[in-house]
């Protein structure tokens, strides 16, 4: 289950949407937070998160089209666990990173 949203880009999208002032971000706003993420990877990540009902996508019928992303209720309910995981990672970072994978 966690493998569906546990990659670094998905977690960063979820975190960015949760911590945004309005709770919604446009694609290019997300790209600014994720400078190392390619446009293609961000697009795939958003589609995946939408597919598993963690992110909602709203398209406005304007020219040019405007698309906004926000967390669903399910996505919002996940955030306390994400923040707990972040805190755990901060505490145990050196223990985990310094170990070599065999």
PDB file of N, CA and C in Angstrom:
ATOM      1  N   UNK A   1       0.813  -1.191   0.000  1.00  0.00           N
ATOM      2  CA  UNK A   1       0.000   0.000   0.000  1.00  0.00           C
ATOM      3  C   UNK A   1       0.865   1.267   0.000  1.00  0.00           C
ATOM      4  N   UNK A   2       1.839   1.332   0.887  1.00  0.00           N
ATOM      5  CA  UNK A   2       2.700   2.508   0.965  1.00  0.00           C
ATOM      6  C   UNK A   2       3.491   2.689  -0.323  1.00  0.00           C
ATOM      7  N   UNK A   3       3.760   1.607  -1.007  1.00  0.00           N
ATOM      8  CA  UNK A   3       4.513   1.706  -2.262  1.00  0.00           C
ATOM      9  C   UNK A   3       3.777   2.526  -3.316  1.00  0.00           C
ATOM     10  N   UNK A   4       2.487   2.702  -3.158  1.00  0.00           N
ATOM     11  CA  UNK A   4       1.704   3.482  -4.129  1.00  0.00           C
ATOM     12  C   UNK A   4       1.982   4.977  -4.018  1.00  0.00           C
ATOM     13  N   UNK A   5       2.434   5.434  -2.827  1.00  0.00           N
ATOM     14  CA  UNK A   5       2.686   6.861  -2.639  1.00  0.00           C
ATOM     15  C   UNK A   5       3.961   7.149  -1.856  1.00  0.00           C
ATOM     16  N   UNK A   6       4.787   6.144  -1.631  1.00  0.00           N
ATOM     17  CA  UNK A   6       5.955   6.294  -0.772  1.00  0.00           C
ATOM     18  C   UNK A   6       7.219   6.775  -1.451  1.00  0.00           C
ATOM     19  N   UNK A   7       7.176   7.019  -2.757  1.00  0.00           N
ATOM     20  CA  UNK A   7       8.377   7.517  -3.424  1.00  0.00           C
ATOM     21  C   UNK A   7       8.593   8.996  -3.067  1.00  0.00           C
ATOM     22  N   UNK A   8       9.811   9.467  -3.295  1.00  0.00           N
ATOM     23  CA  UNK A   8      10.145  10.826  -2.852  1.00  0.00           C
ATOM     24  C   UNK A   8       9.303  11.895  -3.532  1.00  0.00           C
ATOM     25  N   UNK A   9       8.963  11.719  -4.795  1.00  0.00           N
ATOM     26  CA  UNK A   9       8.202  12.761  -5.490  1.00  0.00           C
ATOM     27  C   UNK A   9       6.771  12.824  -4.970  1.00  0.00           C
ATOM     28  N   UNK A  10       6.163  11.672  -4.745  1.00  0.00           N
ATOM     29  CA  UNK A  10       4.796  11.673  -4.225  1.00  0.00           C
ATOM     30  C   UNK A  10       4.731  12.324  -2.854  1.00  0.00           C
ATOM     31  N   UNK A  11       5.673  11.966  -1.993  1.00  0.00           N
ATOM     32  CA  UNK A  11       5.683  12.561  -0.658  1.00  0.00           C
ATOM     33  C   UNK A  11       5.910  14.072  -0.732  1.00  0.00           C
ATOM     34  N   UNK A  12       6.755  14.503  -1.645  1.00  0.00           N
ATOM     35  CA  UNK A  12       6.996  15.938  -1.779  1.00  0.00           C
ATOM     36  C   UNK A  12       5.762  16.668  -2.315  1.00  0.00           C
ATOM     37  N   UNK A  13       5.047  16.061  -3.243  1.00  0.00           N
ATOM     38  CA  UNK A  13       3.800  16.663  -3.737  1.00  0.00           C
ATOM     39  C   UNK A  13       2.787  16.761  -2.599  1.00  0.00           C
ATOM     40  N   UNK A  14       2.606  15.680  -1.857  1.00  0.00           N
ATOM     41  CA  UNK A  14       1.654  15.688  -0.749  1.00  0.00           C
ATOM     42  C   UNK A  14       2.025  16.753   0.279  1.00  0.00           C
ATOM     43  N   UNK A  15       3.287  16.818   0.635  1.00  0.00           N
ATOM     44  CA  UNK A  15       3.760  17.804   1.601  1.00  0.00           C
ATOM     45  C   UNK A  15       3.543  19.228   1.085  1.00  0.00           C
ATOM     46  N   UNK A  16       3.873  19.468  -0.182  1.00  0.00           N
ATOM     47  CA  UNK A  16       3.736  20.802  -0.768  1.00  0.00           C
ATOM     48  C   UNK A  16       2.281  21.252  -0.796  1.00  0.00           C
ATOM     49  N   UNK A  17       1.396  20.354  -1.175  1.00  0.00           N
ATOM     50  CA  UNK A  17      -0.028  20.709  -1.199  1.00  0.00           C
ATOM     51  C   UNK A  17      -0.552  20.969   0.210  1.00  0.00           C
ATOM     52  N   UNK A  18      -0.136  20.143   1.138  1.00  0.00           N
ATOM     53  CA  UNK A  18      -0.600  20.300   2.521  1.00  0.00           C
ATOM     54  C   UNK A  18      -0.128  21.611   3.144  1.00  0.00           C
ATOM     55  N   UNK A  19       1.087  21.996   2.849  1.00  0.00           N
ATOM     56  CA  UNK A  19       1.654  23.187   3.491  1.00  0.00           C
ATOM     57  C   UNK A  19       1.416  24.482   2.706  1.00  0.00           C
ATOM     58  N   UNK A  20       0.792  24.390   1.536  1.00  0.00           N
ATOM     59  CA  UNK A  20       0.533  25.620   0.775  1.00  0.00           C
ATOM     60  C   UNK A  20      -0.516  26.458   1.499  1.00  0.00           C
ATOM     61  N   UNK A  21      -0.441  27.753   1.337  1.00  0.00           N
ATOM     62  CA  UNK A  21      -1.350  28.666   2.030  1.00  0.00           C
ATOM     63  C   UNK A  21      -2.811  28.415   1.680  1.00  0.00           C
ATOM     64  N   UNK A  22      -3.078  28.137   0.417  1.00  0.00           N
ATOM     65  CA  UNK A  22      -4.461  27.966  -0.041  1.00  0.00           C
ATOM     66  C   UNK A  22      -4.904  26.512  -0.070  1.00  0.00           C
ATOM     67  N   UNK A  23      -3.968  25.582   0.037  1.00  0.00           N
ATOM     68  CA  UNK A  23      -4.303  24.169  -0.068  1.00  0.00           C
ATOM     69  C   UNK A  23      -4.385  23.686  -1.507  1.00  0.00           C
ATOM     70  N   UNK A  24      -4.171  24.590  -2.443  1.00  0.00           N
ATOM     71  CA  UNK A  24      -4.163  24.221  -3.861  1.00  0.00           C
ATOM     72  C   UNK A  24      -2.925  24.813  -4.516  1.00  0.00           C
ATOM     73  N   UNK A  25      -2.410  24.097  -5.488  1.00  0.00           N
ATOM     74  CA  UNK A  25      -1.271  24.578  -6.259  1.00  0.00           C
ATOM     75  C   UNK A  25      -1.467  24.212  -7.718  1.00  0.00           C
ATOM     76  N   UNK A  26      -0.967  25.061  -8.580  1.00  0.00           N
ATOM     77  CA  UNK A  26      -0.951  24.763 -10.001  1.00  0.00           C
ATOM     78  C   UNK A  26       0.315  23.978 -10.320  1.00  0.00           C
ATOM     79  N   UNK A  27       0.341  23.379 -11.502  1.00  0.00           N
ATOM     80  CA  UNK A  27       1.458  22.521 -11.898  1.00  0.00           C
ATOM     81  C   UNK A  27       2.795  23.249 -11.768  1.00  0.00           C
ATOM     82  N   UNK A  28       2.876  24.466 -12.319  1.00  0.00           N
ATOM     83  CA  UNK A  28       4.151  25.197 -12.284  1.00  0.00           C
ATOM     84  C   UNK A  28       4.543  25.631 -10.881  1.00  0.00           C
ATOM     85  N   UNK A  29       3.571  25.833 -10.020  1.00  0.00           N
ATOM     86  CA  UNK A  29       3.892  26.138  -8.620  1.00  0.00           C
ATOM     87  C   UNK A  29       4.529  24.914  -7.963  1.00  0.00           C
ATOM     88  N   UNK A  30       3.987  23.745  -8.247  1.00  0.00           N
ATOM     89  CA  UNK A  30       4.600  22.520  -7.727  1.00  0.00           C
ATOM     90  C   UNK A  30       6.006  22.338  -8.273  1.00  0.00           C
ATOM     91  N   UNK A  31       6.194  22.637  -9.542  1.00  0.00           N
ATOM     92  CA  UNK A  31       7.533  22.505 -10.160  1.00  0.00           C
ATOM     93  C   UNK A  31       8.563  23.380  -9.453  1.00  0.00           C
ATOM     94  N   UNK A  32       8.149  24.549  -8.989  1.00  0.00           N
ATOM     95  CA  UNK A  32       9.082  25.430  -8.279  1.00  0.00           C
ATOM     96  C   UNK A  32       9.576  24.808  -6.978  1.00  0.00           C
ATOM     97  N   UNK A  33       8.713  24.028  -6.320  1.00  0.00           N
ATOM     98  CA  UNK A  33       9.111  23.343  -5.091  1.00  0.00           C
ATOM     99  C   UNK A  33       9.990  22.134  -5.379  1.00  0.00           C
ATOM    100  N   UNK A  34       9.882  21.606  -6.587  1.00  0.00           N
ATOM    101  CA  UNK A  34      10.520  20.342  -6.923  1.00  0.00           C
ATOM    102  C   UNK A  34      11.455  20.522  -8.118  1.00  0.00           C
ATOM    103  N   UNK A  35      12.470  21.316  -7.942  1.00  0.00           N
ATOM    104  CA  UNK A  35      13.350  21.693  -9.054  1.00  0.00           C
ATOM    105  C   UNK A  35      14.093  20.511  -9.663  1.00  0.00           C
ATOM    106  N   UNK A  36      14.325  19.452  -8.904  1.00  0.00           N
ATOM    107  CA  UNK A  36      15.032  18.283  -9.436  1.00  0.00           C
ATOM    108  C   UNK A  36      14.115  17.306 -10.158  1.00  0.00           C
ATOM    109  N   UNK A  37      12.829  17.535 -10.083  1.00  0.00           N
ATOM    110  CA  UNK A  37      11.850  16.630 -10.690  1.00  0.00           C
ATOM    111  C   UNK A  37      11.530  17.107 -12.105  1.00  0.00           C
ATOM    112  N   UNK A  38      11.635  16.206 -13.071  1.00  0.00           N
ATOM    113  CA  UNK A  38      11.323  16.586 -14.452  1.00  0.00           C
ATOM    114  C   UNK A  38       9.819  16.818 -14.594  1.00  0.00           C
ATOM    115  N   UNK A  39       9.469  17.527 -15.637  1.00  0.00           N
ATOM    116  CA  UNK A  39       8.063  17.809 -15.916  1.00  0.00           C
ATOM    117  C   UNK A  39       7.297  16.496 -16.120  1.00  0.00           C
ATOM    118  N   UNK A  40       7.901  15.571 -16.828  1.00  0.00           N
ATOM    119  CA  UNK A  40       7.273  14.277 -17.083  1.00  0.00           C
ATOM    120  C   UNK A  40       7.046  13.507 -15.781  1.00  0.00           C
ATOM    121  N   UNK A  41       8.046  13.486 -14.919  1.00  0.00           N
ATOM    122  CA  UNK A  41       7.931  12.759 -13.655  1.00  0.00           C
ATOM    123  C   UNK A  41       6.868  13.392 -12.757  1.00  0.00           C
ATOM    124  N   UNK A  42       6.821  14.713 -12.712  1.00  0.00           N
ATOM    125  CA  UNK A  42       5.799  15.385 -11.904  1.00  0.00           C
ATOM    126  C   UNK A  42       4.411  15.068 -12.445  1.00  0.00           C
ATOM    127  N   UNK A  43       4.264  15.092 -13.754  1.00  0.00           N
ATOM    128  CA  UNK A  43       2.979  14.768 -14.368  1.00  0.00           C
ATOM    129  C   UNK A  43       2.559  13.338 -14.024  1.00  0.00           C
ATOM    130  N   UNK A  44       3.482  12.392 -14.121  1.00  0.00           N
ATOM    131  CA  UNK A  44       3.184  10.998 -13.781  1.00  0.00           C
ATOM    132  C   UNK A  44       2.828  10.851 -12.305  1.00  0.00           C
ATOM    133  N   UNK A  45       3.553  11.566 -11.462  1.00  0.00           N
ATOM    134  CA  UNK A  45       3.310  11.510 -10.019  1.00  0.00           C
ATOM    135  C   UNK A  45       1.919  12.031  -9.699  1.00  0.00           C
ATOM    136  N   UNK A  46       1.553  13.161 -10.277  1.00  0.00           N
ATOM    137  CA  UNK A  46       0.225  13.730 -10.036  1.00  0.00           C
ATOM    138  C   UNK A  46      -0.879  12.804 -10.534  1.00  0.00           C
ATOM    139  N   UNK A  47      -0.683  12.203 -11.696  1.00  0.00           N
ATOM    140  CA  UNK A  47      -1.680  11.260 -12.228  1.00  0.00           C
ATOM    141  C   UNK A  47      -1.838  10.071 -11.298  1.00  0.00           C
ATOM    142  N   UNK A  48      -0.729   9.547 -10.800  1.00  0.00           N
ATOM    143  CA  UNK A  48      -0.789   8.425  -9.870  1.00  0.00           C
ATOM    144  C   UNK A  48      -1.515   8.809  -8.591  1.00  0.00           C
ATOM    145  N   UNK A  49      -1.181   9.961  -8.025  1.00  0.00           N
ATOM    146  CA  UNK A  49      -1.817  10.390  -6.779  1.00  0.00           C
ATOM    147  C   UNK A  49      -3.305  10.663  -6.976  1.00  0.00           C
ATOM    148  N   UNK A  50      -3.669  11.137  -8.148  1.00  0.00           N
ATOM    149  CA  UNK A  50      -5.086  11.341  -8.461  1.00  0.00           C
ATOM    150  C   UNK A  50      -5.783   9.982  -8.594  1.00  0.00           C
ATOM    151  N   UNK A  51      -5.132   9.050  -9.236  1.00  0.00           N
ATOM    152  CA  UNK A  51      -5.690   7.718  -9.462  1.00  0.00           C
ATOM    153  C   UNK A  51      -5.964   6.983  -8.151  1.00  0.00           C
ATOM    154  N   UNK A  52      -5.111   7.174  -7.153  1.00  0.00           N
ATOM    155  CA  UNK A  52      -5.297   6.489  -5.871  1.00  0.00           C
ATOM    156  C   UNK A  52      -6.038   7.368  -4.859  1.00  0.00           C
ATOM    157  N   UNK A  53      -6.637   8.449  -5.348  1.00  0.00           N
ATOM    158  CA  UNK A  53      -7.527   9.308  -4.565  1.00  0.00           C
ATOM    159  C   UNK A  53      -6.852  10.052  -3.408  1.00  0.00           C
ATOM    160  N   UNK A  54      -5.598  10.444  -3.596  1.00  0.00           N
ATOM    161  CA  UNK A  54      -4.939  11.280  -2.596  1.00  0.00           C
ATOM    162  C   UNK A  54      -4.915  12.744  -3.029  1.00  0.00           C
ATOM    163  N   UNK A  55      -4.970  12.982  -4.332  1.00  0.00           N
ATOM    164  CA  UNK A  55      -4.935  14.337  -4.889  1.00  0.00           C
ATOM    165  C   UNK A  55      -6.116  14.499  -5.840  1.00  0.00           C
ATOM    166  N   UNK A  56      -6.727  15.674  -5.791  1.00  0.00           N
ATOM    167  CA  UNK A  56      -7.779  15.963  -6.768  1.00  0.00           C
ATOM    168  C   UNK A  56      -7.265  17.009  -7.750  1.00  0.00           C
ATOM    169  N   UNK A  57      -7.771  16.917  -8.940  1.00  0.00           N
ATOM    170  CA  UNK A  57      -7.365  17.800 -10.041  1.00  0.00           C
ATOM    171  C   UNK A  57      -8.605  18.516 -10.535  1.00  0.00           C
ATOM    172  N   UNK A  58      -8.532  19.836 -10.577  1.00  0.00           N
ATOM    173  CA  UNK A  58      -9.657  20.625 -11.064  1.00  0.00           C
ATOM    174  C   UNK A  58      -9.195  21.463 -12.249  1.00  0.00           C
ATOM    175  N   UNK A  59      -9.862  21.270 -13.381  1.00  0.00           N
ATOM    176  CA  UNK A  59      -9.536  21.999 -14.601  1.00  0.00           C
ATOM    177  C   UNK A  59     -10.593  23.072 -14.805  1.00  0.00           C
ATOM    178  N   UNK A  60     -10.152  24.308 -14.985  1.00  0.00           N
ATOM    179  CA  UNK A  60     -11.058  25.423 -15.231  1.00  0.00           C
ATOM    180  C   UNK A  60     -11.151  25.668 -16.735  1.00  0.00           C
ATOM    181  N   UNK A  61     -12.367  25.812 -17.258  1.00  0.00           N
ATOM    182  CA  UNK A  61     -12.538  26.012 -18.708  1.00  0.00           C
ATOM    183  C   UNK A  61     -12.209  27.448 -19.116  1.00  0.00           C
ATOM    184  N   UNK A  62     -10.936  27.740 -19.128  1.00  0.00           N
ATOM    185  CA  UNK A  62     -10.449  29.073 -19.483  1.00  0.00           C
ATOM    186  C   UNK A  62      -9.450  28.933 -20.613  1.00  0.00           C
ATOM    187  N   UNK A  63      -9.107  30.055 -21.194  1.00  0.00           N
ATOM    188  CA  UNK A  63      -8.050  30.075 -22.209  1.00  0.00           C
ATOM    189  C   UNK A  63      -6.973  31.019 -21.703  1.00  0.00           C
ATOM    190  N   UNK A  64      -5.764  30.544 -21.438  1.00  0.00           N
ATOM    191  CA  UNK A  64      -5.350  29.139 -21.459  1.00  0.00           C
ATOM    192  C   UNK A  64      -5.955  28.378 -20.275  1.00  0.00           C
ATOM    193  N   UNK A  65      -6.073  27.062 -20.375  1.00  0.00           N
ATOM    194  CA  UNK A  65      -6.670  26.276 -19.295  1.00  0.00           C
ATOM    195  C   UNK A  65      -5.856  26.391 -18.011  1.00  0.00           C
ATOM    196  N   UNK A  66      -6.571  26.404 -16.908  1.00  0.00           N
ATOM    197  CA  UNK A  66      -5.934  26.473 -15.589  1.00  0.00           C
ATOM    198  C   UNK A  66      -6.293  25.186 -14.852  1.00  0.00           C
ATOM    199  N   UNK A  67      -5.292  24.538 -14.304  1.00  0.00           N
ATOM    200  CA  UNK A  67      -5.502  23.298 -13.559  1.00  0.00           C
ATOM    201  C   UNK A  67      -4.909  23.466 -12.168  1.00  0.00           C
ATOM    202  N   UNK A  68      -5.700  23.115 -11.171  1.00  0.00           N
ATOM    203  CA  UNK A  68      -5.241  23.198  -9.790  1.00  0.00           C
ATOM    204  C   UNK A  68      -5.317  21.822  -9.142  1.00  0.00           C
ATOM    205  N   UNK A  69      -4.366  21.580  -8.254  1.00  0.00           N
ATOM    206  CA  UNK A  69      -4.289  20.320  -7.529  1.00  0.00           C
ATOM    207  C   UNK A  69      -4.450  20.598  -6.040  1.00  0.00           C
ATOM    208  N   UNK A  70      -5.147  19.701  -5.360  1.00  0.00           N
ATOM    209  CA  UNK A  70      -5.316  19.806  -3.915  1.00  0.00           C
ATOM    210  C   UNK A  70      -5.434  18.408  -3.332  1.00  0.00           C
ATOM    211  N   UNK A  71      -5.293  18.312  -2.025  1.00  0.00           N
ATOM    212  CA  UNK A  71      -5.433  17.020  -1.367  1.00  0.00           C
ATOM    213  C   UNK A  71      -6.906  16.669  -1.233  1.00  0.00           C
ATOM    214  N   UNK A  72      -7.221  15.406  -1.424  1.00  0.00           N
ATOM    215  CA  UNK A  72      -8.571  14.925  -1.146  1.00  0.00           C
ATOM    216  C   UNK A  72      -8.697  14.740   0.370  1.00  0.00           C
ATOM    217  N   UNK A  73      -9.884  14.396   0.835  1.00  0.00           N
ATOM    218  CA  UNK A  73     -10.049  14.091   2.259  1.00  0.00           C
ATOM    219  C   UNK A  73      -9.163  12.918   2.664  1.00  0.00           C
ATOM    220  N   UNK A  74      -9.037  11.942   1.769  1.00  0.00           N
ATOM    221  CA  UNK A  74      -8.167  10.799   2.041  1.00  0.00           C
ATOM    222  C   UNK A  74      -6.713  11.258   2.135  1.00  0.00           C
ATOM    223  N   UNK A  75      -6.298  12.136   1.228  1.00  0.00           N
ATOM    224  CA  UNK A  75      -4.947  12.682   1.262  1.00  0.00           C
ATOM    225  C   UNK A  75      -4.692  13.471   2.539  1.00  0.00           C
ATOM    226  N   UNK A  76      -5.672  14.269   2.946  1.00  0.00           N
ATOM    227  CA  UNK A  76      -5.546  15.038   4.198  1.00  0.00           C
ATOM    228  C   UNK A  76      -5.386  14.098   5.388  1.00  0.00           C
ATOM    229  N   UNK A  77      -6.145  12.998   5.387  1.00  0.00           N
ATOM    230  CA  UNK A  77      -6.086  12.078   6.526  1.00  0.00           C
ATOM    231  C   UNK A  77      -4.742  11.352   6.607  1.00  0.00           C
ATOM    232  N   UNK A  78      -4.015  11.303   5.505  1.00  0.00           N
ATOM    233  CA  UNK A  78      -2.694  10.664   5.469  1.00  0.00           C
ATOM    234  C   UNK A  78      -1.601  11.550   6.066  1.00  0.00           C
ATOM    235  N   UNK A  79      -1.806  12.858   6.049  1.00  0.00           N
ATOM    236  CA  UNK A  79      -0.728  13.788   6.407  1.00  0.00           C
ATOM    237  C   UNK A  79      -0.170  13.632   7.828  1.00  0.00           C
ATOM    238  N   UNK A  80      -0.972  13.374   8.857  1.00  0.00           N
ATOM    239  CA  UNK A  80      -0.354  13.154  10.180  1.00  0.00           C
ATOM    240  C   UNK A  80       0.665  12.012  10.164  1.00  0.00           C
ATOM    241  N   UNK A  81       0.375  10.966   9.416  1.00  0.00           N
ATOM    242  CA  UNK A  81       1.327   9.854   9.315  1.00  0.00           C
ATOM    243  C   UNK A  81       2.568  10.259   8.542  1.00  0.00           C
ATOM    244  N   UNK A  82       2.404  11.059   7.503  1.00  0.00           N
ATOM    245  CA  UNK A  82       3.552  11.547   6.729  1.00  0.00           C
ATOM    246  C   UNK A  82       4.451  12.401   7.621  1.00  0.00           C
ATOM    247  N   UNK A  83       3.836  13.277   8.420  1.00  0.00           N
ATOM    248  CA  UNK A  83       4.639  14.120   9.312  1.00  0.00           C
ATOM    249  C   UNK A  83       5.343  13.288  10.379  1.00  0.00           C
ATOM    250  N   UNK A  84       4.701  12.241  10.865  1.00  0.00           N
ATOM    251  CA  UNK A  84       5.361  11.334  11.814  1.00  0.00           C
ATOM    252  C   UNK A  84       6.562  10.657  11.162  1.00  0.00           C
ATOM    253  N   UNK A  85       6.398  10.252   9.913  1.00  0.00           N
ATOM    254  CA  UNK A  85       7.502   9.621   9.174  1.00  0.00           C
ATOM    255  C   UNK A  85       8.653  10.601   8.977  1.00  0.00           C
ATOM    256  N   UNK A  86       8.334  11.858   8.674  1.00  0.00           N
ATOM    257  CA  UNK A  86       9.373  12.888   8.516  1.00  0.00           C
ATOM    258  C   UNK A  86      10.143  13.069   9.823  1.00  0.00           C
ATOM    259  N   UNK A  87       9.425  13.133  10.934  1.00  0.00           N
ATOM    260  CA  UNK A  87      10.087  13.291  12.238  1.00  0.00           C
ATOM    261  C   UNK A  87      10.968  12.085  12.550  1.00  0.00           C
ATOM    262  N   UNK A  88      10.473  10.886  12.253  1.00  0.00           N
ATOM    263  CA  UNK A  88      11.270   9.681  12.464  1.00  0.00           C
ATOM    264  C   UNK A  88      12.540   9.741  11.628  1.00  0.00           C
ATOM    265  N   UNK A  89      12.414  10.160  10.376  1.00  0.00           N
ATOM    266  CA  UNK A  89      13.568  10.234   9.474  1.00  0.00           C
ATOM    267  C   UNK A  89      14.600  11.243   9.986  1.00  0.00           C
ATOM    268  N   UNK A  90      14.148  12.350  10.543  1.00  0.00           N
ATOM    269  CA  UNK A  90      15.083  13.341  11.091  1.00  0.00           C
ATOM    270  C   UNK A  90      15.879  12.749  12.248  1.00  0.00           C
ATOM    271  N   UNK A  91      15.210  12.025  13.116  1.00  0.00           N
ATOM    272  CA  UNK A  91      15.870  11.440  14.290  1.00  0.00           C
ATOM    273  C   UNK A  91      16.847  10.339  13.884  1.00  0.00           C
ATOM    274  N   UNK A  92      16.475   9.520  12.907  1.00  0.00           N
ATOM    275  CA  UNK A  92      17.253   8.332  12.560  1.00  0.00           C
ATOM    276  C   UNK A  92      18.044   8.464  11.262  1.00  0.00           C
ATOM    277  N   UNK A  93      18.151   9.653  10.741  1.00  0.00           N
ATOM    278  CA  UNK A  93      18.795   9.865   9.449  1.00  0.00           C
ATOM    279  C   UNK A  93      20.200   9.264   9.402  1.00  0.00           C
ATOM    280  N   UNK A  94      21.034   9.615  10.361  1.00  0.00           N
ATOM    281  CA  UNK A  94      22.420   9.123  10.353  1.00  0.00           C
ATOM    282  C   UNK A  94      22.490   7.608  10.473  1.00  0.00           C
ATOM    283  N   UNK A  95      21.622   7.012  11.288  1.00  0.00           N
ATOM    284  CA  UNK A  95      21.624   5.549  11.445  1.00  0.00           C
ATOM    285  C   UNK A  95      21.280   4.867  10.133  1.00  0.00           C
ATOM    286  N   UNK A  96      20.324   5.401   9.415  1.00  0.00           N
ATOM    287  CA  UNK A  96      19.853   4.741   8.193  1.00  0.00           C
ATOM    288  C   UNK A  96      20.784   5.033   7.012  1.00  0.00           C
ATOM    289  N   UNK A  97      21.208   6.262   6.861  1.00  0.00           N
ATOM    290  CA  UNK A  97      22.007   6.649   5.710  1.00  0.00           C
ATOM    291  C   UNK A  97      23.425   6.085   5.795  1.00  0.00           C
ATOM    292  N   UNK A  98      23.968   5.971   6.985  1.00  0.00           N
ATOM    293  CA  UNK A  98      25.353   5.522   7.116  1.00  0.00           C
ATOM    294  C   UNK A  98      25.508   4.011   6.884  1.00  0.00           C
ATOM    295  N   UNK A  99      24.411   3.272   6.864  1.00  0.00           N
ATOM    296  CA  UNK A  99      24.475   1.821   6.646  1.00  0.00           C
ATOM    297  C   UNK A  99      24.591   1.536   5.156  1.00  0.00           C
ATOM    298  N   UNK A 100      25.462   0.626   4.823  1.00  0.00           N
ATOM    299  CA  UNK A 100      25.605   0.215   3.420  1.00  0.00           C
ATOM    300  C   UNK A 100      24.607  -0.886   3.112  1.00  0.00           C
ATOM    301  N   UNK A 101      24.008  -0.786   1.956  1.00  0.00           N
ATOM    302  CA  UNK A 101      23.092  -1.810   1.485  1.00  0.00           C
ATOM    303  C   UNK A 101      23.906  -2.888   0.785  1.00  0.00           C
ATOM    304  N   UNK A 102      23.670  -4.124   1.160  1.00  0.00           N
ATOM    305  CA  UNK A 102      24.419  -5.238   0.586  1.00  0.00           C
ATOM    306  C   UNK A 102      23.651  -5.835  -0.559  1.00  0.00           C
TER     307      UNK A 102
END
